[in-house]
Amino acid sequence: MASKEDQVKASHILIKHQGSRRKASWKDPDGRIISATTKEAAIERLRSIKEDIVTGKARFGEVAGRESDCSSAKRGGDLGPFGRGQMQKPFEEATFALKVGEISDIVETDSGVHIILRTG
């Protein structure tokens, strides 16, 4: 069991694209939109979302609930606490590198592209 110091808590927004390992989500069960979305378009969309959050036009949890392709969207993107080795390596490394309250740059994984908010 990982100690509290070996864990982080985070929320994220995932945008899937045609290169994602699973081309379906709660928003797009047949994967039609995801299969037609390029990685570049997904990154651009995520950049726009991050800009809205950083400038105060939108709140992270609300946007995650509406835009994220992850099932965590129903919890405002909240993934809860996790330790090393529980998430894909790029996601883990980015989350552990953030300070609480910071939002990551675009993080690419096999699932798609993410922005991550470290919450604990």
PDB file of N, CA and C in Angstrom:
ATOM      1  N   MET A   1       0.838  -1.192   0.000  1.00  0.00           N
ATOM      2  CA  MET A   1       0.000   0.000   0.000  1.00  0.00           C
ATOM      3  C   MET A   1       0.878   1.249   0.000  1.00  0.00           C
ATOM      4  N   ALA A   2       0.608   2.140  -0.913  1.00  0.00           N
ATOM      5  CA  ALA A   2       1.379   3.375  -1.011  1.00  0.00           C
ATOM      6  C   ALA A   2       1.021   4.308   0.141  1.00  0.00           C
ATOM      7  N   SER A   3       2.028   5.001   0.652  1.00  0.00           N
ATOM      8  CA  SER A   3       1.757   5.975   1.704  1.00  0.00           C
ATOM      9  C   SER A   3       1.190   7.233   1.069  1.00  0.00           C
ATOM     10  N   LYS A   4       0.661   8.119   1.893  1.00  0.00           N
ATOM     11  CA  LYS A   4       0.081   9.369   1.393  1.00  0.00           C
ATOM     12  C   LYS A   4       1.094  10.173   0.587  1.00  0.00           C
ATOM     13  N   GLU A   5       2.371  10.134   0.997  1.00  0.00           N
ATOM     14  CA  GLU A   5       3.411  10.893   0.301  1.00  0.00           C
ATOM     15  C   GLU A   5       3.678  10.340  -1.097  1.00  0.00           C
ATOM     16  N   ASP A   6       3.339   9.081  -1.317  1.00  0.00           N
ATOM     17  CA  ASP A   6       3.571   8.450  -2.610  1.00  0.00           C
ATOM     18  C   ASP A   6       2.349   8.545  -3.516  1.00  0.00           C
ATOM     19  N   GLN A   7       1.365   9.340  -3.099  1.00  0.00           N
ATOM     20  CA  GLN A   7       0.141   9.466  -3.883  1.00  0.00           C
ATOM     21  C   GLN A   7      -0.121  10.917  -4.249  1.00  0.00           C
ATOM     22  N   VAL A   8      -0.830  11.085  -5.334  1.00  0.00           N
ATOM     23  CA  VAL A   8      -1.329  12.389  -5.748  1.00  0.00           C
ATOM     24  C   VAL A   8      -2.829  12.256  -5.962  1.00  0.00           C
ATOM     25  N   LYS A   9      -3.493  13.376  -6.051  1.00  0.00           N
ATOM     26  CA  LYS A   9      -4.904  13.397  -6.389  1.00  0.00           C
ATOM     27  C   LYS A   9      -5.040  14.363  -7.555  1.00  0.00           C
ATOM     28  N   ALA A  10      -5.827  13.975  -8.547  1.00  0.00           N
ATOM     29  CA  ALA A  10      -5.910  14.820  -9.737  1.00  0.00           C
ATOM     30  C   ALA A  10      -7.252  14.674 -10.437  1.00  0.00           C
ATOM     31  N   SER A  11      -7.546  15.699 -11.223  1.00  0.00           N
ATOM     32  CA  SER A  11      -8.666  15.672 -12.161  1.00  0.00           C
ATOM     33  C   SER A  11      -8.061  15.883 -13.546  1.00  0.00           C
ATOM     34  N   HIS A  12      -8.772  15.432 -14.566  1.00  0.00           N
ATOM     35  CA  HIS A  12      -8.239  15.639 -15.907  1.00  0.00           C
ATOM     36  C   HIS A  12      -9.366  15.799 -16.912  1.00  0.00           C
ATOM     37  N   ILE A  13      -8.982  16.310 -18.064  1.00  0.00           N
ATOM     38  CA  ILE A  13      -9.866  16.369 -19.223  1.00  0.00           C
ATOM     39  C   ILE A  13      -9.151  15.604 -20.326  1.00  0.00           C
ATOM     40  N   LEU A  14      -9.816  14.590 -20.842  1.00  0.00           N
ATOM     41  CA  LEU A  14      -9.269  13.740 -21.912  1.00  0.00           C
ATOM     42  C   LEU A  14     -10.016  14.027 -23.205  1.00  0.00           C
ATOM     43  N   ILE A  15      -9.260  14.263 -24.263  1.00  0.00           N
ATOM     44  CA  ILE A  15      -9.835  14.346 -25.606  1.00  0.00           C
ATOM     45  C   ILE A  15      -9.217  13.202 -26.413  1.00  0.00           C
ATOM     46  N   LYS A  16     -10.078  12.301 -26.841  1.00  0.00           N
ATOM     47  CA  LYS A  16      -9.608  11.179 -27.661  1.00  0.00           C
ATOM     48  C   LYS A  16      -9.518  11.607 -29.117  1.00  0.00           C
ATOM     49  N   HIS A  17      -8.739  10.837 -29.887  1.00  0.00           N
ATOM     50  CA  HIS A  17      -8.560  11.116 -31.316  1.00  0.00           C
ATOM     51  C   HIS A  17      -8.357   9.807 -32.056  1.00  0.00           C
ATOM     52  N   GLN A  18      -8.180   9.900 -33.362  1.00  0.00           N
ATOM     53  CA  GLN A  18      -8.109   8.687 -34.189  1.00  0.00           C
ATOM     54  C   GLN A  18      -6.936   7.779 -33.842  1.00  0.00           C
ATOM     55  N   GLY A  19      -5.944   8.276 -33.119  1.00  0.00           N
ATOM     56  CA  GLY A  19      -4.815   7.460 -32.685  1.00  0.00           C
ATOM     57  C   GLY A  19      -4.992   6.875 -31.292  1.00  0.00           C
ATOM     58  N   SER A  20      -6.102   7.175 -30.630  1.00  0.00           N
ATOM     59  CA  SER A  20      -6.346   6.663 -29.276  1.00  0.00           C
ATOM     60  C   SER A  20      -6.548   5.160 -29.310  1.00  0.00           C
ATOM     61  N   ARG A  21      -6.129   4.490 -28.243  1.00  0.00           N
ATOM     62  CA  ARG A  21      -6.218   3.023 -28.228  1.00  0.00           C
ATOM     63  C   ARG A  21      -7.667   2.532 -28.221  1.00  0.00           C
ATOM     64  N   ARG A  22      -8.565   3.280 -27.628  1.00  0.00           N
ATOM     65  CA  ARG A  22      -9.981   2.905 -27.607  1.00  0.00           C
ATOM     66  C   ARG A  22     -10.776   4.067 -28.183  1.00  0.00           C
ATOM     67  N   LYS A  23     -11.365   3.854 -29.339  1.00  0.00           N
ATOM     68  CA  LYS A  23     -12.015   4.941 -30.052  1.00  0.00           C
ATOM     69  C   LYS A  23     -13.508   5.030 -29.747  1.00  0.00           C
ATOM     70  N   ALA A  24     -13.836   5.036 -28.466  1.00  0.00           N
ATOM     71  CA  ALA A  24     -15.221   5.217 -28.040  1.00  0.00           C
ATOM     72  C   ALA A  24     -15.183   5.868 -26.665  1.00  0.00           C
ATOM     73  N   SER A  25     -16.262   6.540 -26.324  1.00  0.00           N
ATOM     74  CA  SER A  25     -16.369   7.143 -24.993  1.00  0.00           C
ATOM     75  C   SER A  25     -17.841   7.264 -24.637  1.00  0.00           C
ATOM     76  N   TRP A  26     -18.111   7.721 -23.431  1.00  0.00           N
ATOM     77  CA  TRP A  26     -19.494   7.914 -22.997  1.00  0.00           C
ATOM     78  C   TRP A  26     -20.204   8.922 -23.899  1.00  0.00           C
ATOM     79  N   LYS A  27     -19.461   9.874 -24.464  1.00  0.00           N
ATOM     80  CA  LYS A  27     -20.042  10.891 -25.351  1.00  0.00           C
ATOM     81  C   LYS A  27     -20.194  10.384 -26.777  1.00  0.00           C
ATOM     82  N   ASP A  28     -19.381   9.426 -27.147  1.00  0.00           N
ATOM     83  CA  ASP A  28     -19.305   8.957 -28.535  1.00  0.00           C
ATOM     84  C   ASP A  28     -19.192   7.426 -28.528  1.00  0.00           C
ATOM     85  N   PRO A  29     -20.282   6.734 -28.138  1.00  0.00           N
ATOM     86  CA  PRO A  29     -20.213   5.276 -27.951  1.00  0.00           C
ATOM     87  C   PRO A  29     -19.797   4.507 -29.210  1.00  0.00           C
ATOM     88  N   ASP A  30     -20.140   5.022 -30.386  1.00  0.00           N
ATOM     89  CA  ASP A  30     -19.766   4.353 -31.637  1.00  0.00           C
ATOM     90  C   ASP A  30     -18.399   4.791 -32.148  1.00  0.00           C
ATOM     91  N   GLY A  31     -17.831   5.816 -31.547  1.00  0.00           N
ATOM     92  CA  GLY A  31     -16.506   6.289 -31.937  1.00  0.00           C
ATOM     93  C   GLY A  31     -16.460   7.039 -33.256  1.00  0.00           C
ATOM     94  N   ARG A  32     -17.589   7.474 -33.747  1.00  0.00           N
ATOM     95  CA  ARG A  32     -17.603   8.172 -35.054  1.00  0.00           C
ATOM     96  C   ARG A  32     -16.850   9.498 -35.006  1.00  0.00           C
ATOM     97  N   ILE A  33     -17.109  10.282 -33.961  1.00  0.00           N
ATOM     98  CA  ILE A  33     -16.447  11.584 -33.839  1.00  0.00           C
ATOM     99  C   ILE A  33     -14.964  11.387 -33.530  1.00  0.00           C
ATOM    100  N   ILE A  34     -14.680  10.491 -32.592  1.00  0.00           N
ATOM    101  CA  ILE A  34     -13.286  10.237 -32.206  1.00  0.00           C
ATOM    102  C   ILE A  34     -12.474   9.756 -33.408  1.00  0.00           C
ATOM    103  N   SER A  35     -13.020   8.839 -34.181  1.00  0.00           N
ATOM    104  CA  SER A  35     -12.301   8.298 -35.346  1.00  0.00           C
ATOM    105  C   SER A  35     -12.038   9.356 -36.410  1.00  0.00           C
ATOM    106  N   ALA A  36     -12.822  10.423 -36.409  1.00  0.00           N
ATOM    107  CA  ALA A  36     -12.651  11.496 -37.391  1.00  0.00           C
ATOM    108  C   ALA A  36     -11.812  12.656 -36.850  1.00  0.00           C
ATOM    109  N   THR A  37     -11.419  12.577 -35.586  1.00  0.00           N
ATOM    110  CA  THR A  37     -10.663  13.664 -34.950  1.00  0.00           C
ATOM    111  C   THR A  37      -9.171  13.373 -35.033  1.00  0.00           C
ATOM    112  N   THR A  38      -8.417  14.285 -35.652  1.00  0.00           N
ATOM    113  CA  THR A  38      -6.962  14.121 -35.694  1.00  0.00           C
ATOM    114  C   THR A  38      -6.365  14.466 -34.334  1.00  0.00           C
ATOM    115  N   LYS A  39      -5.161  13.979 -34.103  1.00  0.00           N
ATOM    116  CA  LYS A  39      -4.470  14.311 -32.860  1.00  0.00           C
ATOM    117  C   LYS A  39      -4.262  15.816 -32.765  1.00  0.00           C
ATOM    118  N   GLU A  40      -3.923  16.440 -33.885  1.00  0.00           N
ATOM    119  CA  GLU A  40      -3.693  17.885 -33.907  1.00  0.00           C
ATOM    120  C   GLU A  40      -4.964  18.646 -33.530  1.00  0.00           C
ATOM    121  N   ALA A  41      -6.115  18.197 -34.043  1.00  0.00           N
ATOM    122  CA  ALA A  41      -7.391  18.847 -33.711  1.00  0.00           C
ATOM    123  C   ALA A  41      -7.726  18.663 -32.232  1.00  0.00           C
ATOM    124  N   ALA A  42      -7.426  17.483 -31.689  1.00  0.00           N
ATOM    125  CA  ALA A  42      -7.675  17.222 -30.270  1.00  0.00           C
ATOM    126  C   ALA A  42      -6.801  18.130 -29.401  1.00  0.00           C
ATOM    127  N   ILE A  43      -5.545  18.285 -29.783  1.00  0.00           N
ATOM    128  CA  ILE A  43      -4.622  19.158 -29.041  1.00  0.00           C
ATOM    129  C   ILE A  43      -5.107  20.600 -29.099  1.00  0.00           C
ATOM    130  N   GLU A  44      -5.518  21.040 -30.265  1.00  0.00           N
ATOM    131  CA  GLU A  44      -6.007  22.419 -30.428  1.00  0.00           C
ATOM    132  C   GLU A  44      -7.251  22.662 -29.573  1.00  0.00           C
ATOM    133  N   ARG A  45      -8.141  21.705 -29.545  1.00  0.00           N
ATOM    134  CA  ARG A  45      -9.352  21.824 -28.728  1.00  0.00           C
ATOM    135  C   ARG A  45      -8.994  21.912 -27.244  1.00  0.00           C
ATOM    136  N   LEU A  46      -8.050  21.077 -26.832  1.00  0.00           N
ATOM    137  CA  LEU A  46      -7.626  21.078 -25.434  1.00  0.00           C
ATOM    138  C   LEU A  46      -6.920  22.383 -25.062  1.00  0.00           C
ATOM    139  N   ARG A  47      -6.135  22.926 -25.974  1.00  0.00           N
ATOM    140  CA  ARG A  47      -5.473  24.223 -25.726  1.00  0.00           C
ATOM    141  C   ARG A  47      -6.516  25.319 -25.498  1.00  0.00           C
ATOM    142  N   SER A  48      -7.551  25.299 -26.312  1.00  0.00           N
ATOM    143  CA  SER A  48      -8.628  26.277 -26.194  1.00  0.00           C
ATOM    144  C   SER A  48      -9.360  26.123 -24.858  1.00  0.00           C
ATOM    145  N   ILE A  49      -9.619  24.877 -24.474  1.00  0.00           N
ATOM    146  CA  ILE A  49     -10.273  24.597 -23.195  1.00  0.00           C
ATOM    147  C   ILE A  49      -9.397  25.100 -22.044  1.00  0.00           C
ATOM    148  N   LYS A  50      -8.103  24.802 -22.099  1.00  0.00           N
ATOM    149  CA  LYS A  50      -7.187  25.234 -21.035  1.00  0.00           C
ATOM    150  C   LYS A  50      -7.160  26.753 -20.944  1.00  0.00           C
ATOM    151  N   GLU A  51      -7.126  27.422 -22.068  1.00  0.00           N
ATOM    152  CA  GLU A  51      -7.119  28.891 -22.095  1.00  0.00           C
ATOM    153  C   GLU A  51      -8.363  29.448 -21.399  1.00  0.00           C
ATOM    154  N   ASP A  52      -9.509  28.865 -21.682  1.00  0.00           N
ATOM    155  CA  ASP A  52     -10.752  29.302 -21.035  1.00  0.00           C
ATOM    156  C   ASP A  52     -10.700  29.103 -19.524  1.00  0.00           C
ATOM    157  N   ILE A  53     -10.093  28.015 -19.082  1.00  0.00           N
ATOM    158  CA  ILE A  53      -9.988  27.737 -17.642  1.00  0.00           C
ATOM    159  C   ILE A  53      -9.013  28.718 -16.983  1.00  0.00           C
ATOM    160  N   VAL A  54      -7.850  28.883 -17.583  1.00  0.00           N
ATOM    161  CA  VAL A  54      -6.805  29.737 -17.018  1.00  0.00           C
ATOM    162  C   VAL A  54      -7.255  31.204 -16.952  1.00  0.00           C
ATOM    163  N   THR A  55      -8.026  31.639 -17.947  1.00  0.00           N
ATOM    164  CA  THR A  55      -8.480  33.035 -17.972  1.00  0.00           C
ATOM    165  C   THR A  55      -9.755  33.252 -17.164  1.00  0.00           C
ATOM    166  N   GLY A  56     -10.286  32.179 -16.577  1.00  0.00           N
ATOM    167  CA  GLY A  56     -11.462  32.316 -15.736  1.00  0.00           C
ATOM    168  C   GLY A  56     -12.795  32.285 -16.467  1.00  0.00           C
ATOM    169  N   LYS A  57     -12.769  32.027 -17.779  1.00  0.00           N
ATOM    170  CA  LYS A  57     -14.018  31.940 -18.547  1.00  0.00           C
ATOM    171  C   LYS A  57     -14.781  30.656 -18.254  1.00  0.00           C
ATOM    172  N   ALA A  58     -14.067  29.654 -17.755  1.00  0.00           N
ATOM    173  CA  ALA A  58     -14.688  28.352 -17.477  1.00  0.00           C
ATOM    174  C   ALA A  58     -14.039  27.742 -16.247  1.00  0.00           C
ATOM    175  N   ARG A  59     -14.756  26.818 -15.616  1.00  0.00           N
ATOM    176  CA  ARG A  59     -14.228  26.112 -14.445  1.00  0.00           C
ATOM    177  C   ARG A  59     -13.887  24.681 -14.843  1.00  0.00           C
ATOM    178  N   PHE A  60     -12.758  24.213 -14.318  1.00  0.00           N
ATOM    179  CA  PHE A  60     -12.211  22.917 -14.721  1.00  0.00           C
ATOM    180  C   PHE A  60     -13.258  21.812 -14.637  1.00  0.00           C
ATOM    181  N   GLY A  61     -13.868  21.642 -13.479  1.00  0.00           N
ATOM    182  CA  GLY A  61     -14.817  20.549 -13.268  1.00  0.00           C
ATOM    183  C   GLY A  61     -16.025  20.609 -14.188  1.00  0.00           C
ATOM    184  N   GLU A  62     -16.504  21.822 -14.440  1.00  0.00           N
ATOM    185  CA  GLU A  62     -17.663  21.977 -15.334  1.00  0.00           C
ATOM    186  C   GLU A  62     -17.297  21.598 -16.763  1.00  0.00           C
ATOM    187  N   VAL A  63     -16.126  22.057 -17.210  1.00  0.00           N
ATOM    188  CA  VAL A  63     -15.684  21.734 -18.572  1.00  0.00           C
ATOM    189  C   VAL A  63     -15.416  20.239 -18.694  1.00  0.00           C
ATOM    190  N   ALA A  64     -14.786  19.660 -17.675  1.00  0.00           N
ATOM    191  CA  ALA A  64     -14.520  18.212 -17.700  1.00  0.00           C
ATOM    192  C   ALA A  64     -15.827  17.435 -17.828  1.00  0.00           C
ATOM    193  N   GLY A  65     -16.828  17.841 -17.095  1.00  0.00           N
ATOM    194  CA  GLY A  65     -18.120  17.161 -17.132  1.00  0.00           C
ATOM    195  C   GLY A  65     -18.805  17.212 -18.479  1.00  0.00           C
ATOM    196  N   ARG A  66     -18.480  18.227 -19.237  1.00  0.00           N
ATOM    197  CA  ARG A  66     -19.102  18.435 -20.542  1.00  0.00           C
ATOM    198  C   ARG A  66     -18.235  17.925 -21.700  1.00  0.00           C
ATOM    199  N   GLU A  67     -16.914  18.063 -21.570  1.00  0.00           N
ATOM    200  CA  GLU A  67     -16.021  17.856 -22.716  1.00  0.00           C
ATOM    201  C   GLU A  67     -15.151  16.595 -22.663  1.00  0.00           C
ATOM    202  N   SER A  68     -14.851  16.100 -21.460  1.00  0.00           N
ATOM    203  CA  SER A  68     -13.897  14.991 -21.348  1.00  0.00           C
ATOM    204  C   SER A  68     -14.471  13.696 -21.903  1.00  0.00           C
ATOM    205  N   ASP A  69     -13.633  12.946 -22.598  1.00  0.00           N
ATOM    206  CA  ASP A  69     -14.022  11.627 -23.114  1.00  0.00           C
ATOM    207  C   ASP A  69     -13.846  10.529 -22.070  1.00  0.00           C
ATOM    208  N   CYS A  70     -13.348  10.856 -20.892  1.00  0.00           N
ATOM    209  CA  CYS A  70     -13.170   9.869 -19.826  1.00  0.00           C
ATOM    210  C   CYS A  70     -14.454   9.742 -19.008  1.00  0.00           C
ATOM    211  N   SER A  71     -14.704   8.561 -18.504  1.00  0.00           N
ATOM    212  CA  SER A  71     -15.887   8.359 -17.654  1.00  0.00           C
ATOM    213  C   SER A  71     -15.802   9.169 -16.361  1.00  0.00           C
ATOM    214  N   SER A  72     -14.610   9.657 -16.004  1.00  0.00           N
ATOM    215  CA  SER A  72     -14.476  10.520 -14.824  1.00  0.00           C
ATOM    216  C   SER A  72     -15.181  11.859 -15.037  1.00  0.00           C
ATOM    217  N   ALA A  73     -15.631  12.131 -16.244  1.00  0.00           N
ATOM    218  CA  ALA A  73     -16.350  13.379 -16.539  1.00  0.00           C
ATOM    219  C   ALA A  73     -17.529  13.562 -15.597  1.00  0.00           C
ATOM    220  N   LYS A  74     -18.197  12.474 -15.257  1.00  0.00           N
ATOM    221  CA  LYS A  74     -19.369  12.583 -14.373  1.00  0.00           C
ATOM    222  C   LYS A  74     -18.991  13.020 -12.959  1.00  0.00           C
ATOM    223  N   ARG A  75     -17.698  12.993 -12.634  1.00  0.00           N
ATOM    224  CA  ARG A  75     -17.189  13.489 -11.356  1.00  0.00           C
ATOM    225  C   ARG A  75     -16.370  14.765 -11.565  1.00  0.00           C
ATOM    226  N   GLY A  76     -16.621  15.475 -12.643  1.00  0.00           N
ATOM    227  CA  GLY A  76     -15.857  16.688 -12.937  1.00  0.00           C
ATOM    228  C   GLY A  76     -14.413  16.408 -13.281  1.00  0.00           C
ATOM    229  N   GLY A  77     -14.148  15.194 -13.767  1.00  0.00           N
ATOM    230  CA  GLY A  77     -12.787  14.802 -14.141  1.00  0.00           C
ATOM    231  C   GLY A  77     -11.974  14.222 -12.998  1.00  0.00           C
ATOM    232  N   ASP A  78     -12.564  14.142 -11.805  1.00  0.00           N
ATOM    233  CA  ASP A  78     -11.841  13.685 -10.613  1.00  0.00           C
ATOM    234  C   ASP A  78     -11.469  12.210 -10.716  1.00  0.00           C
ATOM    235  N   LEU A  79     -10.170  11.939 -10.623  1.00  0.00           N
ATOM    236  CA  LEU A  79      -9.660  10.569 -10.650  1.00  0.00           C
ATOM    237  C   LEU A  79      -9.397  10.034  -9.248  1.00  0.00           C
ATOM    238  N   GLY A  80      -9.506  10.898  -8.248  1.00  0.00           N
ATOM    239  CA  GLY A  80      -9.202  10.479  -6.884  1.00  0.00           C
ATOM    240  C   GLY A  80      -7.707  10.309  -6.695  1.00  0.00           C
ATOM    241  N   PRO A  81      -7.298   9.714  -5.572  1.00  0.00           N
ATOM    242  CA  PRO A  81      -5.872   9.522  -5.310  1.00  0.00           C
ATOM    243  C   PRO A  81      -5.313   8.315  -6.069  1.00  0.00           C
ATOM    244  N   PHE A  82      -4.069   8.435  -6.484  1.00  0.00           N
ATOM    245  CA  PHE A  82      -3.385   7.305  -7.111  1.00  0.00           C
ATOM    246  C   PHE A  82      -1.891   7.412  -6.865  1.00  0.00           C
ATOM    247  N   GLY A  83      -1.249   6.273  -6.939  1.00  0.00           N
ATOM    248  CA  GLY A  83       0.188   6.208  -6.706  1.00  0.00           C
ATOM    249  C   GLY A  83       0.943   5.912  -7.995  1.00  0.00           C
ATOM    250  N   ARG A  84       2.235   5.792  -7.847  1.00  0.00           N
ATOM    251  CA  ARG A  84       3.086   5.481  -9.011  1.00  0.00           C
ATOM    252  C   ARG A  84       2.749   4.084  -9.522  1.00  0.00           C
ATOM    253  N   GLY A  85       2.767   3.944 -10.840  1.00  0.00           N
ATOM    254  CA  GLY A  85       2.505   2.657 -11.459  1.00  0.00           C
ATOM    255  C   GLY A  85       1.027   2.375 -11.712  1.00  0.00           C
ATOM    256  N   GLN A  86       0.139   3.310 -11.349  1.00  0.00           N
ATOM    257  CA  GLN A  86      -1.288   3.084 -11.534  1.00  0.00           C
ATOM    258  C   GLN A  86      -1.851   3.746 -12.796  1.00  0.00           C
ATOM    259  N   MET A  87      -1.131   4.700 -13.349  1.00  0.00           N
ATOM    260  CA  MET A  87      -1.559   5.409 -14.553  1.00  0.00           C
ATOM    261  C   MET A  87      -0.495   5.227 -15.634  1.00  0.00           C
ATOM    262  N   GLN A  88      -0.852   5.563 -16.867  1.00  0.00           N
ATOM    263  CA  GLN A  88       0.145   5.517 -17.934  1.00  0.00           C
ATOM    264  C   GLN A  88       1.288   6.457 -17.569  1.00  0.00           C
ATOM    265  N   LYS A  89       2.515   6.051 -17.893  1.00  0.00           N
ATOM    266  CA  LYS A  89       3.725   6.734 -17.451  1.00  0.00           C
ATOM    267  C   LYS A  89       3.723   8.248 -17.732  1.00  0.00           C
ATOM    268  N   PRO A  90       3.401   8.716 -18.937  1.00  0.00           N
ATOM    269  CA  PRO A  90       3.429  10.170 -19.175  1.00  0.00           C
ATOM    270  C   PRO A  90       2.436  10.918 -18.272  1.00  0.00           C
ATOM    271  N   PHE A  91       1.278  10.301 -18.031  1.00  0.00           N
ATOM    272  CA  PHE A  91       0.255  10.908 -17.184  1.00  0.00           C
ATOM    273  C   PHE A  91       0.757  10.982 -15.742  1.00  0.00           C
ATOM    274  N   GLU A  92       1.316   9.876 -15.265  1.00  0.00           N
ATOM    275  CA  GLU A  92       1.866   9.816 -13.912  1.00  0.00           C
ATOM    276  C   GLU A  92       2.958  10.858 -13.718  1.00  0.00           C
ATOM    277  N   GLU A  93       3.917  10.891 -14.628  1.00  0.00           N
ATOM    278  CA  GLU A  93       5.049  11.820 -14.496  1.00  0.00           C
ATOM    279  C   GLU A  93       4.577  13.268 -14.485  1.00  0.00           C
ATOM    280  N   ALA A  94       3.644  13.598 -15.354  1.00  0.00           N
ATOM    281  CA  ALA A  94       3.130  14.971 -15.414  1.00  0.00           C
ATOM    282  C   ALA A  94       2.415  15.339 -14.120  1.00  0.00           C
ATOM    283  N   THR A  95       1.612  14.419 -13.597  1.00  0.00           N
ATOM    284  CA  THR A  95       0.840  14.706 -12.381  1.00  0.00           C
ATOM    285  C   THR A  95       1.751  14.890 -11.180  1.00  0.00           C
ATOM    286  N   PHE A  96       2.723  13.999 -11.011  1.00  0.00           N
ATOM    287  CA  PHE A  96       3.641  14.109  -9.876  1.00  0.00           C
ATOM    288  C   PHE A  96       4.510  15.359  -9.963  1.00  0.00           C
ATOM    289  N   ALA A  97       4.746  15.883 -11.172  1.00  0.00           N
ATOM    290  CA  ALA A  97       5.583  17.074 -11.355  1.00  0.00           C
ATOM    291  C   ALA A  97       4.827  18.368 -11.026  1.00  0.00           C
ATOM    292  N   LEU A  98       3.500  18.309 -11.015  1.00  0.00           N
ATOM    293  CA  LEU A  98       2.698  19.502 -10.732  1.00  0.00           C
ATOM    294  C   LEU A  98       2.646  19.793  -9.240  1.00  0.00           C
ATOM    295  N   LYS A  99       2.474  21.074  -8.904  1.00  0.00           N
ATOM    296  CA  LYS A  99       2.149  21.461  -7.538  1.00  0.00           C
ATOM    297  C   LYS A  99       0.627  21.432  -7.427  1.00  0.00           C
ATOM    298  N   VAL A 100       0.111  21.269  -6.221  1.00  0.00           N
ATOM    299  CA  VAL A 100      -1.338  21.284  -6.006  1.00  0.00           C
ATOM    300  C   VAL A 100      -1.899  22.605  -6.536  1.00  0.00           C
ATOM    301  N   GLY A 101      -2.944  22.502  -7.355  1.00  0.00           N
ATOM    302  CA  GLY A 101      -3.574  23.681  -7.948  1.00  0.00           C
ATOM    303  C   GLY A 101      -3.069  24.023  -9.337  1.00  0.00           C
ATOM    304  N   GLU A 102      -1.973  23.411  -9.763  1.00  0.00           N
ATOM    305  CA  GLU A 102      -1.426  23.676 -11.103  1.00  0.00           C
ATOM    306  C   GLU A 102      -2.111  22.809 -12.153  1.00  0.00           C
ATOM    307  N   ILE A 103      -2.180  23.358 -13.370  1.00  0.00           N
ATOM    308  CA  ILE A 103      -2.708  22.633 -14.524  1.00  0.00           C
ATOM    309  C   ILE A 103      -1.546  22.348 -15.468  1.00  0.00           C
ATOM    310  N   SER A 104      -1.502  21.119 -15.959  1.00  0.00           N
ATOM    311  CA  SER A 104      -0.410  20.702 -16.848  1.00  0.00           C
ATOM    312  C   SER A 104      -0.539  21.319 -18.237  1.00  0.00           C
ATOM    313  N   ASP A 105       0.547  21.212 -18.982  1.00  0.00           N
ATOM    314  CA  ASP A 105       0.484  21.426 -20.421  1.00  0.00           C
ATOM    315  C   ASP A 105      -0.203  20.196 -21.006  1.00  0.00           C
ATOM    316  N   ILE A 106      -0.296  20.106 -22.298  1.00  0.00           N
ATOM    317  CA  ILE A 106      -0.896  18.947 -22.965  1.00  0.00           C
ATOM    318  C   ILE A 106      -0.039  17.715 -22.671  1.00  0.00           C
ATOM    319  N   VAL A 107      -0.684  16.646 -22.232  1.00  0.00           N
ATOM    320  CA  VAL A 107      -0.008  15.380 -21.957  1.00  0.00           C
ATOM    321  C   VAL A 107      -0.580  14.335 -22.908  1.00  0.00           C
ATOM    322  N   GLU A 108       0.299  13.671 -23.650  1.00  0.00           N
ATOM    323  CA  GLU A 108      -0.129  12.647 -24.601  1.00  0.00           C
ATOM    324  C   GLU A 108       0.064  11.257 -24.005  1.00  0.00           C
ATOM    325  N   THR A 109      -0.988  10.424 -24.106  1.00  0.00           N
ATOM    326  CA  THR A 109      -0.901   9.020 -23.695  1.00  0.00           C
ATOM    327  C   THR A 109      -1.560   8.174 -24.779  1.00  0.00           C
ATOM    328  N   ASP A 110      -1.559   6.868 -24.583  1.00  0.00           N
ATOM    329  CA  ASP A 110      -2.235   5.976 -25.526  1.00  0.00           C
ATOM    330  C   ASP A 110      -3.743   6.216 -25.537  1.00  0.00           C
ATOM    331  N   SER A 111      -4.273   6.829 -24.490  1.00  0.00           N
ATOM    332  CA  SER A 111      -5.716   7.095 -24.408  1.00  0.00           C
ATOM    333  C   SER A 111      -6.122   8.313 -25.221  1.00  0.00           C
ATOM    334  N   GLY A 112      -5.211   9.266 -25.384  1.00  0.00           N
ATOM    335  CA  GLY A 112      -5.515  10.510 -26.083  1.00  0.00           C
ATOM    336  C   GLY A 112      -4.668  11.628 -25.514  1.00  0.00           C
ATOM    337  N   VAL A 113      -5.206  12.850 -25.533  1.00  0.00           N
ATOM    338  CA  VAL A 113      -4.486  13.995 -24.984  1.00  0.00           C
ATOM    339  C   VAL A 113      -5.261  14.529 -23.779  1.00  0.00           C
ATOM    340  N   HIS A 114      -4.509  14.991 -22.784  1.00  0.00           N
ATOM    341  CA  HIS A 114      -5.101  15.394 -21.512  1.00  0.00           C
ATOM    342  C   HIS A 114      -4.554  16.741 -21.072  1.00  0.00           C
ATOM    343  N   ILE A 115      -5.328  17.428 -20.234  1.00  0.00           N
ATOM    344  CA  ILE A 115      -4.781  18.416 -19.315  1.00  0.00           C
ATOM    345  C   ILE A 115      -5.139  17.901 -17.926  1.00  0.00           C
ATOM    346  N   ILE A 116      -4.223  18.117 -17.000  1.00  0.00           N
ATOM    347  CA  ILE A 116      -4.354  17.558 -15.655  1.00  0.00           C
ATOM    348  C   ILE A 116      -4.312  18.682 -14.641  1.00  0.00           C
ATOM    349  N   LEU A 117      -5.223  18.637 -13.691  1.00  0.00           N
ATOM    350  CA  LEU A 117      -5.235  19.563 -12.554  1.00  0.00           C
ATOM    351  C   LEU A 117      -4.892  18.742 -11.320  1.00  0.00           C
ATOM    352  N   ARG A 118      -3.762  19.064 -10.701  1.00  0.00           N
ATOM    353  CA  ARG A 118      -3.409  18.353  -9.462  1.00  0.00           C
ATOM    354  C   ARG A 118      -4.192  18.963  -8.316  1.00  0.00           C
ATOM    355  N   THR A 119      -4.912  18.129  -7.608  1.00  0.00           N
ATOM    356  CA  THR A 119      -5.784  18.595  -6.529  1.00  0.00           C
ATOM    357  C   THR A 119      -5.324  18.149  -5.146  1.00  0.00           C
ATOM    358  N   GLY A 120      -4.309  17.297  -5.082  1.00  0.00           N
ATOM    359  CA  GLY A 120      -3.823  16.839  -3.778  1.00  0.00           C
ATOM    360  C   GLY A 120      -2.556  16.038  -3.915  1.00  0.00           C
TER     361      GLY A 120
END
